[in-house]
């Protein structure tokens, strides 16, 4: 798993779109075991006023023609460590692997994923770390509103 993977590139693109829209820069992409893109999405909590539309949940919900069984063995790419809700979604849908672009700015419950038998690969890329830092610097109220007060 690397930054050259199509799933990583799509997740990064989605995260950049989210930031450009004035939202939380978390993007995600789900790639099936056959290499097919099963879903993609970005956090639109701020844009749409919904607390549950995170990058990962948006990716799972992006293509209703994909049967739930297709996610078994898939890889979920996300620009930032999964929150508890998105961790639950990854477990529920049966993904095999989660690839994380940034675990520096937010450390989600990675152990929960691993205890469920999901492989977690942390890339901690400068691109993803910088996306979150841009949000924190430009709009700290959005960041701390998302993850709680300082």
N, C-alpha and C. Protein backbone atom coordinates (compact mmCIF):
# COMPACT_ATOMS: atom_id res chain seq x y z
N UNK A 1 0.85 -1.17 0.00
CA UNK A 1 0.00 0.00 0.00
C UNK A 1 0.89 1.23 0.00
N UNK A 2 0.59 2.14 -0.92
CA UNK A 2 1.42 3.33 -1.02
C UNK A 2 0.60 4.52 -1.53
N UNK A 3 1.25 5.66 -1.59
CA UNK A 3 0.61 6.87 -2.08
C UNK A 3 0.32 6.80 -3.58
N UNK A 4 0.87 5.79 -4.25
CA UNK A 4 0.64 5.62 -5.67
C UNK A 4 -0.64 4.84 -5.96
N UNK A 5 -1.20 4.22 -4.94
CA UNK A 5 -2.43 3.44 -5.12
C UNK A 5 -3.57 4.36 -5.56
N UNK A 6 -4.38 3.86 -6.47
CA UNK A 6 -5.51 4.65 -6.98
C UNK A 6 -6.46 5.03 -5.84
N UNK A 7 -6.69 4.12 -4.92
CA UNK A 7 -7.57 4.40 -3.79
C UNK A 7 -7.07 5.55 -2.94
N UNK A 8 -5.77 5.58 -2.69
CA UNK A 8 -5.19 6.68 -1.92
C UNK A 8 -5.36 7.99 -2.67
N UNK A 9 -5.08 7.99 -3.95
CA UNK A 9 -5.17 9.20 -4.76
C UNK A 9 -6.60 9.75 -4.78
N UNK A 10 -7.58 8.87 -4.88
CA UNK A 10 -8.98 9.30 -4.89
C UNK A 10 -9.37 9.86 -3.52
N UNK A 11 -8.95 9.19 -2.45
CA UNK A 11 -9.25 9.68 -1.10
C UNK A 11 -8.64 11.06 -0.90
N UNK A 12 -7.42 11.25 -1.33
CA UNK A 12 -6.75 12.55 -1.21
C UNK A 12 -7.49 13.62 -2.01
N UNK A 13 -7.90 13.28 -3.22
CA UNK A 13 -8.66 14.21 -4.06
C UNK A 13 -9.96 14.62 -3.35
N UNK A 14 -10.65 13.66 -2.76
CA UNK A 14 -11.89 13.95 -2.04
C UNK A 14 -11.62 14.84 -0.82
N UNK A 15 -10.54 14.56 -0.10
CA UNK A 15 -10.18 15.39 1.05
C UNK A 15 -9.89 16.82 0.65
N UNK A 16 -9.19 17.00 -0.46
CA UNK A 16 -8.89 18.35 -0.96
C UNK A 16 -10.18 19.08 -1.35
N UNK A 17 -11.11 18.36 -1.97
CA UNK A 17 -12.40 18.96 -2.33
C UNK A 17 -13.13 19.44 -1.08
N UNK A 18 -13.13 18.62 -0.05
CA UNK A 18 -13.79 18.98 1.19
C UNK A 18 -13.22 20.25 1.79
N UNK A 19 -11.90 20.37 1.80
CA UNK A 19 -11.26 21.58 2.33
C UNK A 19 -11.61 22.79 1.47
N UNK A 20 -11.56 22.63 0.15
CA UNK A 20 -11.88 23.73 -0.77
C UNK A 20 -13.33 24.20 -0.61
N UNK A 21 -14.22 23.30 -0.20
CA UNK A 21 -15.63 23.64 0.02
C UNK A 21 -15.87 24.28 1.39
N UNK A 22 -14.81 24.40 2.18
CA UNK A 22 -14.95 24.97 3.51
C UNK A 22 -15.30 23.94 4.57
N UNK A 23 -15.12 22.67 4.24
CA UNK A 23 -15.46 21.60 5.16
C UNK A 23 -14.25 20.93 5.78
N UNK A 24 -14.51 19.79 6.39
CA UNK A 24 -13.49 18.98 7.03
C UNK A 24 -12.79 18.17 5.93
N UNK A 25 -11.46 18.23 5.85
CA UNK A 25 -10.75 17.60 4.73
C UNK A 25 -10.50 16.11 4.88
N UNK A 26 -11.55 15.34 5.04
CA UNK A 26 -11.40 13.89 5.12
C UNK A 26 -12.05 13.27 3.89
N UNK A 27 -11.23 12.59 3.11
CA UNK A 27 -11.72 11.89 1.93
C UNK A 27 -11.50 10.40 2.10
N UNK A 28 -12.30 9.61 1.37
CA UNK A 28 -12.18 8.16 1.46
C UNK A 28 -12.49 7.51 0.12
N UNK A 29 -11.97 6.32 -0.04
CA UNK A 29 -12.22 5.52 -1.23
C UNK A 29 -12.18 4.05 -0.83
N UNK A 30 -13.11 3.28 -1.36
CA UNK A 30 -13.16 1.84 -1.07
C UNK A 30 -12.84 1.09 -2.36
N UNK A 31 -11.86 0.21 -2.28
CA UNK A 31 -11.43 -0.57 -3.43
C UNK A 31 -11.68 -2.04 -3.13
N UNK A 32 -12.43 -2.69 -4.02
CA UNK A 32 -12.75 -4.10 -3.85
C UNK A 32 -11.53 -4.98 -4.01
N UNK A 33 -11.66 -6.22 -3.61
CA UNK A 33 -10.55 -7.17 -3.71
C UNK A 33 -10.12 -7.39 -5.16
N UNK A 34 -11.02 -7.07 -6.10
CA UNK A 34 -10.69 -7.19 -7.53
C UNK A 34 -10.10 -5.91 -8.11
N UNK A 35 -9.90 -4.89 -7.27
CA UNK A 35 -9.33 -3.63 -7.73
C UNK A 35 -10.36 -2.61 -8.19
N UNK A 36 -11.63 -2.98 -8.22
CA UNK A 36 -12.69 -2.08 -8.67
C UNK A 36 -13.01 -1.06 -7.57
N UNK A 37 -13.23 0.19 -7.97
CA UNK A 37 -13.63 1.23 -7.03
C UNK A 37 -15.09 0.98 -6.66
N UNK A 38 -15.34 0.76 -5.37
CA UNK A 38 -16.70 0.49 -4.89
C UNK A 38 -17.39 1.74 -4.37
N UNK A 39 -16.61 2.73 -3.97
CA UNK A 39 -17.19 3.95 -3.44
C UNK A 39 -16.14 4.99 -3.15
N UNK A 40 -16.60 6.23 -3.11
CA UNK A 40 -15.71 7.34 -2.78
C UNK A 40 -16.56 8.43 -2.15
N UNK A 41 -15.94 9.23 -1.31
CA UNK A 41 -16.70 10.29 -0.67
C UNK A 41 -15.82 11.18 0.19
N UNK A 42 -16.45 12.24 0.72
CA UNK A 42 -15.74 13.17 1.59
C UNK A 42 -16.66 13.62 2.71
N UNK A 43 -16.06 14.08 3.76
CA UNK A 43 -16.80 14.60 4.89
C UNK A 43 -17.53 15.86 4.44
N UNK A 44 -18.86 15.87 4.64
CA UNK A 44 -19.66 17.05 4.28
C UNK A 44 -20.51 17.51 5.47
N UNK A 45 -20.00 17.27 6.66
CA UNK A 45 -20.72 17.70 7.86
C UNK A 45 -21.07 19.18 7.81
N UNK A 46 -20.10 20.00 7.50
CA UNK A 46 -20.30 21.46 7.49
C UNK A 46 -21.12 21.88 6.28
N UNK A 47 -20.78 21.36 5.11
CA UNK A 47 -21.48 21.74 3.89
C UNK A 47 -22.96 21.37 3.93
N UNK A 48 -23.30 20.21 4.49
CA UNK A 48 -24.67 19.71 4.47
C UNK A 48 -25.36 19.72 5.83
N UNK A 49 -24.65 20.16 6.86
CA UNK A 49 -25.24 20.20 8.18
C UNK A 49 -25.61 18.84 8.74
N UNK A 50 -24.85 17.81 8.38
CA UNK A 50 -25.12 16.45 8.86
C UNK A 50 -23.91 15.96 9.64
N UNK A 51 -24.12 15.55 10.85
CA UNK A 51 -23.02 15.09 11.70
C UNK A 51 -22.51 13.69 11.34
N UNK A 52 -23.22 12.96 10.51
CA UNK A 52 -22.81 11.59 10.23
C UNK A 52 -22.26 11.36 8.82
N UNK A 53 -22.15 12.41 8.03
CA UNK A 53 -21.61 12.23 6.69
C UNK A 53 -20.10 12.50 6.73
N UNK A 54 -19.39 11.47 7.17
CA UNK A 54 -17.92 11.52 7.19
C UNK A 54 -17.43 10.96 5.86
N UNK A 55 -16.16 11.11 5.59
CA UNK A 55 -15.62 10.62 4.32
C UNK A 55 -15.89 9.14 4.11
N UNK A 56 -15.67 8.36 5.16
CA UNK A 56 -15.84 6.92 5.05
C UNK A 56 -17.31 6.53 4.87
N UNK A 57 -18.20 7.12 5.66
CA UNK A 57 -19.62 6.77 5.51
C UNK A 57 -20.14 7.23 4.16
N UNK A 58 -19.66 8.37 3.68
CA UNK A 58 -20.06 8.85 2.36
C UNK A 58 -19.60 7.87 1.27
N UNK A 59 -18.41 7.31 1.43
CA UNK A 59 -17.90 6.34 0.45
C UNK A 59 -18.76 5.08 0.44
N UNK A 60 -19.12 4.59 1.62
CA UNK A 60 -19.97 3.39 1.68
C UNK A 60 -21.34 3.67 1.08
N UNK A 61 -21.80 4.90 1.15
CA UNK A 61 -23.14 5.24 0.69
C UNK A 61 -23.17 5.80 -0.74
N UNK A 62 -22.03 5.87 -1.39
CA UNK A 62 -21.96 6.57 -2.69
C UNK A 62 -22.52 5.80 -3.87
N UNK A 63 -22.57 4.49 -3.80
CA UNK A 63 -23.07 3.70 -4.93
C UNK A 63 -24.01 2.62 -4.39
N UNK A 64 -25.30 2.88 -4.49
CA UNK A 64 -26.28 1.95 -3.94
C UNK A 64 -26.42 0.66 -4.75
N UNK A 65 -25.77 0.60 -5.91
CA UNK A 65 -25.84 -0.63 -6.70
C UNK A 65 -24.83 -1.68 -6.22
N UNK A 66 -23.91 -1.28 -5.35
CA UNK A 66 -22.90 -2.20 -4.84
C UNK A 66 -23.53 -3.02 -3.71
N UNK A 67 -23.55 -4.35 -3.84
CA UNK A 67 -24.11 -5.16 -2.76
C UNK A 67 -23.18 -5.16 -1.55
N UNK A 68 -23.76 -5.29 -0.38
CA UNK A 68 -22.95 -5.26 0.84
C UNK A 68 -21.85 -6.32 0.80
N UNK A 69 -22.12 -7.45 0.18
CA UNK A 69 -21.12 -8.53 0.11
C UNK A 69 -19.86 -8.11 -0.64
N UNK A 70 -19.95 -7.11 -1.51
CA UNK A 70 -18.78 -6.67 -2.29
C UNK A 70 -17.71 -6.04 -1.40
N UNK A 71 -18.12 -5.55 -0.23
CA UNK A 71 -17.16 -4.90 0.67
C UNK A 71 -16.31 -5.90 1.44
N UNK A 72 -16.75 -7.16 1.47
CA UNK A 72 -15.98 -8.19 2.15
C UNK A 72 -14.61 -8.31 1.46
N UNK A 73 -13.57 -8.08 2.22
CA UNK A 73 -12.22 -8.17 1.66
C UNK A 73 -11.73 -6.91 0.99
N UNK A 74 -12.52 -5.84 1.02
CA UNK A 74 -12.12 -4.59 0.37
C UNK A 74 -11.11 -3.81 1.22
N UNK A 75 -10.53 -2.81 0.59
CA UNK A 75 -9.61 -1.89 1.27
C UNK A 75 -10.25 -0.52 1.33
N UNK A 76 -10.28 0.05 2.51
CA UNK A 76 -10.79 1.40 2.73
C UNK A 76 -9.61 2.33 2.89
N UNK A 77 -9.49 3.28 1.99
CA UNK A 77 -8.46 4.32 2.08
C UNK A 77 -9.11 5.55 2.69
N UNK A 78 -8.46 6.17 3.66
CA UNK A 78 -8.98 7.38 4.27
C UNK A 78 -7.83 8.34 4.56
N UNK A 79 -8.09 9.61 4.37
CA UNK A 79 -7.02 10.59 4.55
C UNK A 79 -6.69 10.83 6.01
N UNK A 80 -7.60 10.47 6.92
CA UNK A 80 -7.35 10.64 8.34
C UNK A 80 -7.87 9.42 9.09
N UNK A 81 -7.26 9.12 10.20
CA UNK A 81 -7.64 7.98 11.03
C UNK A 81 -9.15 7.95 11.26
N UNK A 82 -9.74 6.77 11.19
CA UNK A 82 -11.19 6.60 11.36
C UNK A 82 -11.63 6.97 12.78
N UNK A 83 -12.75 7.66 12.85
CA UNK A 83 -13.39 7.94 14.14
C UNK A 83 -14.11 6.67 14.60
N UNK A 84 -14.67 6.66 15.81
CA UNK A 84 -15.40 5.47 16.26
C UNK A 84 -16.56 5.07 15.33
N UNK A 85 -17.30 6.05 14.80
CA UNK A 85 -18.42 5.73 13.92
C UNK A 85 -17.93 5.06 12.63
N UNK A 86 -16.90 5.61 12.04
CA UNK A 86 -16.39 5.07 10.78
C UNK A 86 -15.66 3.74 11.00
N UNK A 87 -15.07 3.59 12.17
CA UNK A 87 -14.49 2.30 12.55
C UNK A 87 -15.59 1.25 12.56
N UNK A 88 -16.72 1.59 13.16
CA UNK A 88 -17.85 0.67 13.18
C UNK A 88 -18.35 0.32 11.80
N UNK A 89 -18.38 1.31 10.91
CA UNK A 89 -18.83 1.05 9.54
C UNK A 89 -17.87 0.08 8.84
N UNK A 90 -16.57 0.28 9.02
CA UNK A 90 -15.59 -0.61 8.40
C UNK A 90 -15.77 -2.04 8.89
N UNK A 91 -16.02 -2.18 10.18
CA UNK A 91 -16.25 -3.51 10.75
C UNK A 91 -17.56 -4.09 10.22
N UNK A 92 -18.61 -3.28 10.23
CA UNK A 92 -19.94 -3.73 9.78
C UNK A 92 -19.90 -4.24 8.34
N UNK A 93 -19.20 -3.50 7.47
CA UNK A 93 -19.18 -3.88 6.06
C UNK A 93 -18.13 -4.94 5.75
N UNK A 94 -17.29 -5.28 6.70
CA UNK A 94 -16.35 -6.39 6.52
C UNK A 94 -15.12 -6.09 5.68
N UNK A 95 -14.64 -4.85 5.71
CA UNK A 95 -13.42 -4.57 4.95
C UNK A 95 -12.26 -5.35 5.55
N UNK A 96 -11.29 -5.60 4.71
CA UNK A 96 -10.12 -6.39 5.12
C UNK A 96 -9.00 -5.50 5.63
N UNK A 97 -8.95 -4.28 5.08
CA UNK A 97 -7.80 -3.41 5.34
C UNK A 97 -8.26 -1.96 5.35
N UNK A 98 -7.64 -1.16 6.23
CA UNK A 98 -7.85 0.29 6.24
C UNK A 98 -6.48 0.94 6.09
N UNK A 99 -6.37 1.82 5.10
CA UNK A 99 -5.13 2.54 4.85
C UNK A 99 -5.37 3.99 5.25
N UNK A 100 -4.56 4.47 6.20
CA UNK A 100 -4.74 5.78 6.82
C UNK A 100 -3.65 6.74 6.35
N UNK A 101 -4.08 7.90 5.86
CA UNK A 101 -3.12 8.90 5.40
C UNK A 101 -2.55 9.76 6.51
N UNK A 102 -3.34 10.02 7.57
CA UNK A 102 -2.90 10.89 8.66
C UNK A 102 -3.41 10.35 9.99
N UNK A 103 -2.48 9.93 10.81
CA UNK A 103 -2.81 9.53 12.18
C UNK A 103 -2.07 10.43 13.17
N UNK A 104 -1.45 11.47 12.65
CA UNK A 104 -0.71 12.42 13.49
C UNK A 104 -1.68 13.39 14.15
N UNK A 105 -2.58 13.97 13.36
CA UNK A 105 -3.49 15.00 13.87
C UNK A 105 -4.69 14.43 14.62
N UNK A 106 -5.05 13.18 14.32
CA UNK A 106 -6.16 12.53 15.01
C UNK A 106 -5.87 11.04 15.08
N UNK A 107 -5.94 10.51 16.28
CA UNK A 107 -5.68 9.09 16.50
C UNK A 107 -6.99 8.40 16.86
N UNK A 108 -7.62 7.84 15.87
CA UNK A 108 -8.86 7.12 16.10
C UNK A 108 -8.61 5.77 16.75
N UNK A 109 -9.67 5.01 16.97
CA UNK A 109 -9.55 3.72 17.67
C UNK A 109 -9.03 2.60 16.77
N UNK A 110 -7.79 2.74 16.36
CA UNK A 110 -7.16 1.75 15.47
C UNK A 110 -7.19 0.35 16.09
N UNK A 111 -7.03 0.28 17.39
CA UNK A 111 -7.01 -1.02 18.06
C UNK A 111 -8.33 -1.77 17.87
N UNK A 112 -9.42 -1.04 17.80
CA UNK A 112 -10.73 -1.66 17.59
C UNK A 112 -10.78 -2.34 16.23
N UNK A 113 -10.24 -1.67 15.22
CA UNK A 113 -10.17 -2.27 13.89
C UNK A 113 -9.33 -3.53 13.91
N UNK A 114 -8.17 -3.43 14.54
CA UNK A 114 -7.26 -4.58 14.59
C UNK A 114 -7.86 -5.75 15.37
N UNK A 115 -8.57 -5.45 16.46
CA UNK A 115 -9.21 -6.51 17.23
C UNK A 115 -10.30 -7.21 16.42
N UNK A 116 -10.86 -6.49 15.44
CA UNK A 116 -11.88 -7.08 14.57
C UNK A 116 -11.25 -7.83 13.39
N UNK A 117 -9.93 -7.92 13.37
CA UNK A 117 -9.24 -8.65 12.32
C UNK A 117 -8.96 -7.84 11.07
N UNK A 118 -9.08 -6.51 11.17
CA UNK A 118 -8.83 -5.63 10.03
C UNK A 118 -7.38 -5.15 10.09
N UNK A 119 -6.68 -5.32 8.99
CA UNK A 119 -5.31 -4.82 8.90
C UNK A 119 -5.36 -3.30 8.77
N UNK A 120 -4.54 -2.60 9.54
CA UNK A 120 -4.45 -1.15 9.46
C UNK A 120 -3.05 -0.77 9.02
N UNK A 121 -2.99 -0.01 7.94
CA UNK A 121 -1.71 0.48 7.43
C UNK A 121 -1.72 2.00 7.57
N UNK A 122 -0.80 2.52 8.34
CA UNK A 122 -0.70 3.96 8.57
C UNK A 122 0.43 4.50 7.70
N UNK A 123 0.06 5.37 6.75
CA UNK A 123 1.06 5.96 5.86
C UNK A 123 1.63 7.27 6.43
N UNK A 124 0.81 8.02 7.15
CA UNK A 124 1.22 9.34 7.67
C UNK A 124 1.95 10.17 6.61
N UNK A 125 1.25 10.42 5.52
CA UNK A 125 1.85 11.18 4.43
C UNK A 125 1.78 12.68 4.71
N UNK A 126 2.75 13.40 4.24
CA UNK A 126 2.78 14.86 4.41
C UNK A 126 1.55 15.51 3.79
N UNK A 127 1.10 14.96 2.65
CA UNK A 127 -0.09 15.53 1.98
C UNK A 127 -1.32 15.49 2.88
N UNK A 128 -1.56 14.35 3.48
CA UNK A 128 -2.74 14.20 4.33
C UNK A 128 -2.58 14.95 5.65
N UNK A 129 -1.40 14.88 6.24
CA UNK A 129 -1.15 15.61 7.48
C UNK A 129 -1.34 17.11 7.24
N UNK A 130 -0.86 17.60 6.11
CA UNK A 130 -0.98 19.02 5.77
C UNK A 130 -2.44 19.45 5.56
N UNK A 131 -3.27 18.57 4.98
CA UNK A 131 -4.68 18.91 4.80
C UNK A 131 -5.32 19.27 6.14
N UNK A 132 -5.09 18.43 7.12
CA UNK A 132 -5.67 18.68 8.44
C UNK A 132 -5.06 19.92 9.07
N UNK A 133 -3.75 20.09 8.94
CA UNK A 133 -3.10 21.28 9.50
C UNK A 133 -3.66 22.56 8.89
N UNK A 134 -3.96 22.52 7.59
CA UNK A 134 -4.55 23.69 6.94
C UNK A 134 -5.88 24.06 7.59
N UNK A 135 -6.71 23.05 7.86
CA UNK A 135 -7.98 23.31 8.51
C UNK A 135 -7.78 23.87 9.91
N UNK A 136 -6.88 23.25 10.67
CA UNK A 136 -6.63 23.70 12.05
C UNK A 136 -6.15 25.15 12.07
N UNK A 137 -5.28 25.51 11.13
CA UNK A 137 -4.75 26.88 11.08
C UNK A 137 -5.80 27.89 10.61
N UNK A 138 -6.57 27.54 9.59
CA UNK A 138 -7.54 28.48 9.01
C UNK A 138 -8.83 28.56 9.80
N UNK A 139 -9.29 27.43 10.32
CA UNK A 139 -10.59 27.36 10.98
C UNK A 139 -10.54 26.46 12.21
N UNK A 140 -9.81 26.86 13.23
CA UNK A 140 -9.70 25.98 14.40
C UNK A 140 -11.04 25.65 15.03
N UNK A 141 -12.02 26.56 14.92
CA UNK A 141 -13.34 26.29 15.50
C UNK A 141 -14.01 25.10 14.83
N UNK A 142 -13.77 24.91 13.53
CA UNK A 142 -14.34 23.75 12.83
C UNK A 142 -13.67 22.47 13.32
N UNK A 143 -12.36 22.52 13.46
CA UNK A 143 -11.61 21.34 13.89
C UNK A 143 -11.99 20.94 15.31
N UNK A 144 -11.95 21.91 16.22
CA UNK A 144 -12.24 21.59 17.61
C UNK A 144 -13.74 21.32 17.82
N UNK A 145 -14.57 21.85 16.94
CA UNK A 145 -15.98 21.51 16.98
C UNK A 145 -16.22 20.06 16.59
N UNK A 146 -15.33 19.54 15.74
CA UNK A 146 -15.44 18.16 15.28
C UNK A 146 -14.91 17.19 16.33
N UNK A 147 -13.72 17.48 16.86
CA UNK A 147 -13.07 16.51 17.75
C UNK A 147 -13.20 16.84 19.22
N UNK A 148 -13.86 17.94 19.52
CA UNK A 148 -14.01 18.35 20.91
C UNK A 148 -13.09 19.52 21.23
N UNK A 149 -13.31 20.13 22.34
CA UNK A 149 -12.53 21.29 22.72
C UNK A 149 -11.07 20.90 22.98
N UNK A 150 -10.20 21.91 22.90
CA UNK A 150 -8.76 21.69 23.15
C UNK A 150 -8.55 21.13 24.54
